[in-house]
Amino acid sequence: MTKKITAAIIGLGRIASLLEEDSLREKPCTHAGAIAANSECALAAGCDIDEDRRRLFAEKWQVPVYADAAEMLRLHQPQILSIATHPDSHYRFCLLAARHNVPVIVCEKPVADNIGEARKIAALCRTGAAAAAGSSAAAGKGARAALPVIITNHERRYSQDYIRAKTILEEGKLGQLLSVRAALCMGKTARLLDMLWHDGTHLADAIMFLSNSTLRHRRAWGAKLASRSGTVWLEGALHSRKNSRQIAVPVIIEIGAGRDHLVFEIEFSCEKGRLRIGNGIFEVLESAPSPYAEKFRSLKNTGEQFSGATGYFANMLKDAVCCVRDPQRPPVSSATDGLRVIEYLNSVKKWRK
């Protein structure tokens, strides 16, 4: 019988465990839930500086908990470590995990709260802990030649509805991609910059994932990003190369406050149709002879829908397990993917605060 892969978690809040109590969410919807649901894994321990969170985690999952991450890593030597702390601590814990020879690190999004530390996290996968720390002292603390695999938890890369949407776009039935529109509203009085940095992480990555392109910012107009009211529009382009030719597809992203509901959606407008996907949204339309006017064509809903479990958290953990079994396997959502999103967000943030 194959020995189970051990997993541990640093940061025992909502995305680590607490959201499993939400009766409406698809399960598993947390790191602990995904580990517990995977027959190849065993949850070994958890770590948090907050005593109440440690107590709740220990009661629910029946595992030891720690206030000190280094102690947990030393005692349990997990093969998968989930980092579910605030982004300003992600690099510190990724570096700590690399020094303790953790082979696969799952880092929550955004991968960091600034471009410098995002680059350092991506570098860990290429150079290891000693080189990333930039000192010989790091080499004496357990750094090794083997490099860690770092997965950024961009959950929509693992979600079956987004995977299906990507297949539809790649099949070419809708023709060439001509433009992208997206909308994000995540709180009536939330600061627009906070929406962009936290939930916009998923939006930007999903746009790049579905289009196989790199999203770059050009300009913004409307409300200031520091505002808690109004709407800001971000104009940019998706850049890719096809047949030795550079292609740029225009993108408009709307980020708005003042709504009493959540909005997360992306629309891909193509030569022969349109695809729209988001929270509770899956719509595919194809060009057909118009029933309203002769010699014209209109968009007709194909009737294709997506229902059932998306498997977004379960599939992420499966990816982590595969990376433990095969260290040469590239993850579906890498640290480089996480860095690419931070590069985009950082360019927007610098442009207009």
Protein backbone atom coordinates (compact mmCIF):
# COMPACT_ATOMS: atom_id res chain seq x y z
CA MET A 1 0.00 0.00 0.00
CA THR A 2 1.35 3.43 -0.95
CA LYS A 3 2.22 5.57 2.05
CA LYS A 4 0.04 8.64 2.43
CA ILE A 5 1.44 12.07 1.63
CA THR A 6 1.60 14.24 4.73
CA ALA A 7 0.29 17.82 4.57
CA ALA A 8 0.30 20.76 6.97
CA ILE A 9 -1.13 24.28 6.96
CA ILE A 10 0.18 27.64 8.15
CA GLY A 11 -2.64 30.12 8.80
CA LEU A 12 -5.85 28.56 10.11
CA GLY A 13 -8.47 31.10 9.06
CA ARG A 14 -11.27 31.15 6.48
CA ILE A 15 -9.57 29.65 3.43
CA ALA A 16 -7.62 27.16 5.54
CA SER A 17 -10.59 25.67 7.37
CA LEU A 18 -13.42 27.94 8.53
CA LEU A 19 -15.26 28.17 5.18
CA GLU A 20 -16.10 24.46 5.42
CA GLU A 21 -18.88 25.61 7.77
CA ASP A 22 -20.57 27.56 4.92
CA SER A 23 -23.55 25.35 4.02
CA LEU A 24 -23.90 26.79 0.50
CA ARG A 25 -20.34 26.39 -0.73
CA GLU A 26 -19.20 23.45 -2.82
CA LYS A 27 -17.10 21.09 -0.70
CA PRO A 28 -14.24 20.89 -0.18
CA CYS A 29 -13.69 24.64 -0.19
CA THR A 30 -10.65 24.93 2.06
CA HIS A 31 -7.12 23.56 2.28
CA ALA A 32 -7.94 21.35 5.25
CA GLY A 33 -11.14 20.13 3.62
CA ALA A 34 -9.32 19.22 0.41
CA ILE A 35 -6.58 17.37 2.30
CA ALA A 36 -9.13 15.44 4.37
CA ALA A 37 -11.11 14.51 1.24
CA ASN A 38 -8.08 13.20 -0.64
CA SER A 39 -7.43 9.49 -0.03
CA GLU A 40 -3.73 9.90 -0.86
CA CYS A 41 -3.15 12.55 1.82
CA ALA A 42 -3.10 12.83 5.59
CA LEU A 43 -3.44 16.12 7.45
CA ALA A 44 -0.56 16.17 9.95
CA ALA A 45 -0.71 19.55 11.69
CA GLY A 46 -1.68 23.20 11.60
CA CYS A 47 -0.06 26.45 12.69
CA ASP A 48 -1.40 29.89 13.63
CA ILE A 49 -0.38 32.62 16.07
CA ASP A 50 -4.03 33.02 17.09
CA GLU A 51 -4.94 30.73 20.02
CA ASP A 52 -8.66 30.56 19.20
CA ARG A 53 -7.98 29.52 15.62
CA ARG A 54 -5.59 26.83 16.79
CA ARG A 55 -8.23 25.52 19.20
CA LEU A 56 -10.99 25.45 16.54
CA PHE A 57 -8.70 23.75 14.02
CA ALA A 58 -7.58 21.09 16.50
CA GLU A 59 -11.17 20.36 17.51
CA LYS A 60 -12.42 20.01 13.95
CA TRP A 61 -9.54 18.08 12.36
CA GLN A 62 -8.12 16.25 15.41
CA VAL A 63 -4.48 17.11 14.66
CA PRO A 64 -1.76 18.87 16.67
CA VAL A 65 -1.45 22.63 16.30
CA TYR A 66 1.46 25.01 16.80
CA ALA A 67 2.12 28.70 17.27
CA ASP A 68 5.59 28.37 15.73
CA ALA A 69 5.82 27.35 12.05
CA ALA A 70 9.46 26.26 12.24
CA GLU A 71 8.66 23.88 15.09
CA MET A 72 5.77 22.35 13.16
CA LEU A 73 7.91 21.85 10.05
CA ARG A 74 10.78 20.35 12.08
CA LEU A 75 8.55 17.89 13.92
CA HIS A 76 6.25 16.79 11.07
CA GLN A 77 8.32 17.30 7.87
CA PRO A 78 5.22 17.59 5.63
CA GLN A 79 5.45 16.83 1.93
CA ILE A 80 2.80 19.46 1.13
CA LEU A 81 2.57 22.76 2.98
CA SER A 82 -0.35 25.12 2.45
CA ILE A 83 0.38 28.77 3.26
CA ALA A 84 -2.91 30.52 4.00
CA THR A 85 -1.65 33.62 5.79
CA HIS A 86 -1.77 37.30 4.82
CA PRO A 87 0.15 37.99 1.58
CA ASP A 88 2.79 40.07 3.38
CA SER A 89 4.07 36.87 5.05
CA HIS A 90 3.98 34.54 2.03
CA TYR A 91 7.63 34.93 1.07
CA ARG A 92 8.82 34.43 4.64
CA PHE A 93 6.91 31.17 4.96
CA CYS A 94 7.82 29.96 1.46
CA LEU A 95 11.48 30.51 2.30
CA LEU A 96 11.06 28.74 5.65
CA ALA A 97 9.40 25.79 3.93
CA ALA A 98 12.19 25.58 1.34
CA ARG A 99 14.79 25.57 4.14
CA HIS A 100 12.93 22.66 5.76
CA ASN A 101 12.94 20.68 2.50
CA VAL A 102 9.19 20.80 1.88
CA PRO A 103 8.89 19.49 -1.70
CA VAL A 104 5.53 21.12 -2.60
CA ILE A 105 4.30 24.46 -1.29
CA VAL A 106 0.74 25.64 -1.96
CA CYS A 107 0.62 29.43 -1.58
CA GLU A 108 -2.63 31.33 -1.36
CA LYS A 109 -3.27 34.18 -3.77
CA PRO A 110 -2.11 36.86 -4.22
CA VAL A 111 1.27 35.17 -4.14
CA ALA A 112 2.69 38.28 -2.40
CA ASP A 113 1.63 41.81 -1.51
CA ASN A 114 4.39 43.46 -3.56
CA ILE A 115 6.33 42.83 -6.74
CA GLY A 116 9.69 42.35 -5.02
CA GLU A 117 8.58 39.45 -2.84
CA ALA A 118 6.57 37.90 -5.69
CA ARG A 119 9.80 37.76 -7.70
CA LYS A 120 11.63 36.19 -4.75
CA ILE A 121 8.97 33.49 -4.42
CA ALA A 122 9.22 32.67 -8.13
CA ALA A 123 13.02 32.57 -7.79
CA LEU A 124 12.78 29.97 -5.02
CA CYS A 125 11.63 27.43 -7.61
CA ARG A 126 14.70 28.13 -9.73
CA THR A 127 17.47 28.70 -7.19
CA GLY A 128 16.38 27.24 -3.85
CA ALA A 129 16.46 28.72 -0.35
CA ALA A 130 20.16 29.57 -0.06
CA ALA A 131 20.34 31.58 -3.29
CA ALA A 132 17.00 33.30 -2.65
CA ALA A 133 18.13 34.39 0.82
CA GLY A 134 21.36 35.66 -0.67
CA SER A 135 23.63 34.47 2.12
CA SER A 136 25.83 31.54 3.05
CA ALA A 137 24.02 31.39 6.39
CA ALA A 138 20.91 30.13 4.65
CA ALA A 139 22.81 27.13 3.34
CA GLY A 140 23.53 26.10 6.90
CA LYS A 141 19.88 25.99 7.82
CA GLY A 142 18.83 22.99 5.80
CA ALA A 143 18.79 24.37 2.24
CA ARG A 144 19.28 21.67 -0.36
CA ALA A 145 19.97 21.24 -4.03
CA ALA A 146 16.45 19.98 -4.79
CA LEU A 147 14.10 22.83 -5.59
CA PRO A 148 10.58 23.22 -4.18
CA VAL A 149 7.51 23.24 -6.40
CA ILE A 150 5.33 26.23 -5.57
CA ILE A 151 1.66 26.20 -6.53
CA THR A 152 -0.28 29.47 -6.50
CA ASN A 153 -3.88 28.77 -5.55
CA HIS A 154 -5.53 30.42 -8.54
CA GLU A 155 -8.55 28.22 -8.03
CA ARG A 156 -10.26 28.83 -11.37
CA ARG A 157 -7.43 27.04 -13.18
CA TYR A 158 -8.66 23.93 -11.34
CA SER A 159 -12.39 24.52 -11.79
CA GLN A 160 -14.11 22.27 -14.35
CA ASP A 161 -16.31 25.05 -15.76
CA TYR A 162 -13.28 27.20 -16.54
CA ILE A 163 -11.42 24.22 -17.96
CA ARG A 164 -14.41 23.58 -20.24
CA ALA A 165 -14.50 27.26 -21.28
CA LYS A 166 -10.80 27.12 -22.13
CA THR A 167 -11.41 24.05 -24.31
CA ILE A 168 -14.23 25.81 -26.17
CA LEU A 169 -12.04 28.82 -26.92
CA GLU A 170 -9.16 26.60 -28.05
CA GLU A 171 -11.36 24.43 -30.29
CA GLY A 172 -11.84 27.45 -32.55
CA LYS A 173 -15.58 27.09 -33.22
CA LEU A 174 -16.07 30.66 -32.02
CA GLY A 175 -13.29 31.90 -34.27
CA GLN A 176 -10.58 34.38 -33.43
CA LEU A 177 -10.70 36.17 -30.07
CA LEU A 178 -11.26 39.89 -30.72
CA SER A 179 -11.88 41.48 -27.32
CA VAL A 180 -12.45 40.78 -23.62
CA ARG A 181 -14.72 42.50 -21.12
CA ALA A 182 -14.77 41.72 -17.41
CA ALA A 183 -16.51 43.03 -14.29
CA LEU A 184 -15.69 42.81 -10.60
CA CYS A 185 -17.81 44.06 -7.67
CA MET A 186 -16.92 42.65 -4.26
CA GLY A 187 -18.41 44.84 -1.55
CA LYS A 188 -20.63 47.89 -1.35
CA THR A 189 -18.06 50.03 0.46
CA ALA A 190 -14.87 48.07 -0.21
CA ARG A 191 -11.94 50.07 -1.53
CA LEU A 192 -11.54 49.60 -5.28
CA LEU A 193 -7.82 48.88 -4.87
CA ASP A 194 -8.59 46.12 -2.35
CA MET A 195 -11.06 44.53 -4.78
CA LEU A 196 -8.41 44.66 -7.49
CA TRP A 197 -5.63 43.24 -5.34
CA HIS A 198 -7.56 40.42 -3.73
CA ASP A 199 -10.41 39.27 -6.02
CA GLY A 200 -8.87 40.92 -9.09
CA THR A 201 -6.06 38.39 -8.64
CA HIS A 202 -8.47 35.64 -9.67
CA LEU A 203 -9.98 37.76 -12.45
CA ALA A 204 -6.64 38.66 -14.05
CA ASP A 205 -5.33 35.10 -13.82
CA ALA A 206 -8.53 33.61 -15.24
CA ILE A 207 -8.36 35.96 -18.24
CA MET A 208 -4.75 34.95 -18.90
CA PHE A 209 -5.43 31.25 -18.30
CA LEU A 210 -8.42 31.10 -20.64
CA SER A 211 -6.69 33.04 -23.42
CA ASN A 212 -3.15 31.61 -23.09
CA SER A 213 -1.90 35.20 -23.08
CA THR A 214 -0.25 37.78 -20.84
CA LEU A 215 -2.41 40.65 -19.59
CA ARG A 216 -0.81 44.10 -19.61
CA HIS A 217 -2.20 47.38 -18.33
CA ARG A 218 -2.42 50.52 -20.51
CA ARG A 219 -4.54 53.14 -18.75
CA ALA A 220 -7.43 53.70 -16.33
CA TRP A 221 -10.28 56.16 -16.00
CA GLY A 222 -13.21 56.83 -13.70
CA ALA A 223 -12.96 56.65 -9.91
CA LYS A 224 -9.61 56.58 -8.15
CA LEU A 225 -8.47 53.19 -6.93
CA ALA A 226 -8.25 54.52 -3.37
CA SER A 227 -11.98 55.31 -3.44
CA ARG A 228 -14.72 53.28 -1.75
CA SER A 229 -17.35 54.48 -4.22
CA GLY A 230 -17.82 54.76 -7.95
CA THR A 231 -16.42 52.70 -10.79
CA VAL A 232 -12.99 52.48 -12.37
CA TRP A 233 -12.32 51.06 -15.84
CA LEU A 234 -8.98 49.44 -16.62
CA GLU A 235 -7.91 49.29 -20.25
CA GLY A 236 -5.24 46.87 -21.34
CA ALA A 237 -4.44 44.10 -23.79
CA LEU A 238 -3.74 40.39 -23.93
CA HIS A 239 -0.40 39.74 -25.58
CA SER A 240 0.55 36.48 -27.26
CA ARG A 241 2.51 35.17 -30.24
CA LYS A 242 0.99 33.17 -33.07
CA ASN A 243 2.90 32.00 -36.15
CA SER A 244 5.81 34.32 -35.26
CA ARG A 245 3.39 37.25 -35.10
CA GLN A 246 2.62 39.35 -32.03
CA ILE A 247 -1.09 39.55 -31.24
CA ALA A 248 -2.71 42.10 -28.91
CA VAL A 249 -6.37 41.66 -27.92
CA PRO A 250 -8.03 44.66 -26.19
CA VAL A 251 -9.35 44.17 -22.64
CA ILE A 252 -11.66 46.34 -20.53
CA ILE A 253 -12.16 45.56 -16.83
CA GLU A 254 -14.82 47.30 -14.74
CA ILE A 255 -14.32 47.44 -10.96
CA GLY A 256 -17.18 48.98 -9.00
CA ALA A 257 -18.37 49.72 -5.50
CA GLY A 258 -21.88 50.62 -4.35
CA ARG A 259 -23.48 47.32 -5.44
CA ASP A 260 -25.33 45.21 -2.88
CA HIS A 261 -24.33 42.05 -4.76
CA LEU A 262 -21.18 40.32 -5.92
CA VAL A 263 -20.09 40.33 -9.58
CA PHE A 264 -17.31 38.24 -11.10
CA GLU A 265 -17.60 37.66 -14.84
CA ILE A 266 -15.58 37.57 -18.04
CA GLU A 267 -16.87 37.85 -21.60
CA PHE A 268 -14.81 36.72 -24.58
CA SER A 269 -16.04 38.26 -27.83
CA CYS A 270 -14.95 36.24 -30.84
CA GLU A 271 -15.27 36.34 -34.61
CA LYS A 272 -18.10 33.79 -34.66
CA GLY A 273 -19.57 33.95 -31.19
CA ARG A 274 -19.22 34.87 -27.55
CA LEU A 275 -18.38 33.05 -24.33
CA ARG A 276 -19.34 34.39 -20.91
CA ILE A 277 -18.25 32.85 -17.64
CA GLY A 278 -18.20 33.84 -13.98
CA ASN A 279 -19.79 33.18 -10.61
CA GLY A 280 -22.94 31.25 -11.50
CA ILE A 281 -22.50 32.11 -15.20
CA PHE A 282 -21.72 29.82 -18.14
CA GLU A 283 -23.01 30.95 -21.52
CA VAL A 284 -21.92 30.12 -25.07
CA LEU A 285 -23.41 31.88 -28.11
CA GLU A 286 -22.66 31.15 -31.77
CA SER A 287 -23.30 33.11 -34.94
CA ALA A 288 -26.38 32.00 -36.94
CA PRO A 289 -28.66 33.48 -39.65
CA SER A 290 -30.68 36.23 -38.01
CA PRO A 291 -34.41 35.64 -37.43
CA TYR A 292 -34.90 39.41 -37.31
CA ALA A 293 -33.43 40.67 -40.61
CA GLU A 294 -32.50 39.20 -43.99
CA LYS A 295 -28.82 38.81 -44.88
CA PHE A 296 -27.72 39.39 -41.29
CA ARG A 297 -26.41 37.07 -38.61
CA SER A 298 -27.20 37.14 -34.88
CA LEU A 299 -25.86 35.36 -31.85
CA LYS A 300 -27.79 32.28 -30.77
CA ASN A 301 -27.41 30.59 -27.40
CA THR A 302 -26.07 27.06 -27.92
CA GLY A 303 -27.79 25.87 -24.76
CA GLU A 304 -24.54 24.52 -23.36
CA GLN A 305 -24.52 24.82 -19.59
CA PHE A 306 -22.34 23.75 -16.72
CA SER A 307 -23.78 22.21 -13.59
CA GLY A 308 -22.52 20.08 -10.77
CA ALA A 309 -19.31 20.18 -8.81
CA THR A 310 -16.41 22.14 -10.25
CA GLY A 311 -13.82 20.37 -8.09
CA TYR A 312 -11.79 23.54 -7.76
CA PHE A 313 -10.16 22.79 -4.39
CA ALA A 314 -10.05 19.03 -4.82
CA ASN A 315 -8.31 19.39 -8.19
CA MET A 316 -5.77 21.82 -6.77
CA LEU A 317 -4.76 19.29 -4.15
CA LYS A 318 -4.59 16.53 -6.78
CA ASP A 319 -2.14 18.75 -8.65
CA ALA A 320 -0.05 19.10 -5.48
CA VAL A 321 -0.07 15.32 -4.97
CA CYS A 322 1.07 14.76 -8.57
CA CYS A 323 3.92 17.21 -8.02
CA VAL A 324 5.03 15.30 -4.92
CA ARG A 325 4.97 12.03 -6.87
CA ASP A 326 6.77 13.60 -9.85
CA PRO A 327 8.96 16.60 -8.88
CA GLN A 328 9.65 17.34 -12.57
CA ARG A 329 5.96 17.85 -13.33
CA PRO A 330 5.04 21.53 -13.82
CA PRO A 331 2.02 22.57 -11.72
CA VAL A 332 -1.18 23.81 -13.34
CA SER A 333 -0.83 27.09 -11.43
CA SER A 334 2.82 27.94 -10.78
CA ALA A 335 4.68 30.62 -8.85
CA THR A 336 5.46 32.18 -12.23
CA ASP A 337 1.72 32.44 -12.90
CA GLY A 338 1.36 34.11 -9.52
CA LEU A 339 4.15 36.55 -10.38
CA ARG A 340 2.56 37.38 -13.74
CA VAL A 341 -0.63 38.46 -11.97
CA ILE A 342 1.29 40.60 -9.47
CA GLU A 343 3.13 42.27 -12.35
CA TYR A 344 -0.21 43.25 -13.85
CA LEU A 345 -1.74 44.41 -10.55
CA ASN A 346 1.38 46.36 -9.70
CA SER A 347 1.32 48.19 -13.02
CA VAL A 348 -2.31 49.21 -12.40
CA LYS A 349 -1.56 50.27 -8.84
CA LYS A 350 1.37 52.47 -9.92
CA TRP A 351 -0.66 54.08 -12.69
CA ARG A 352 -3.49 55.48 -10.61
CA LYS A 353 -4.03 55.45 -6.86
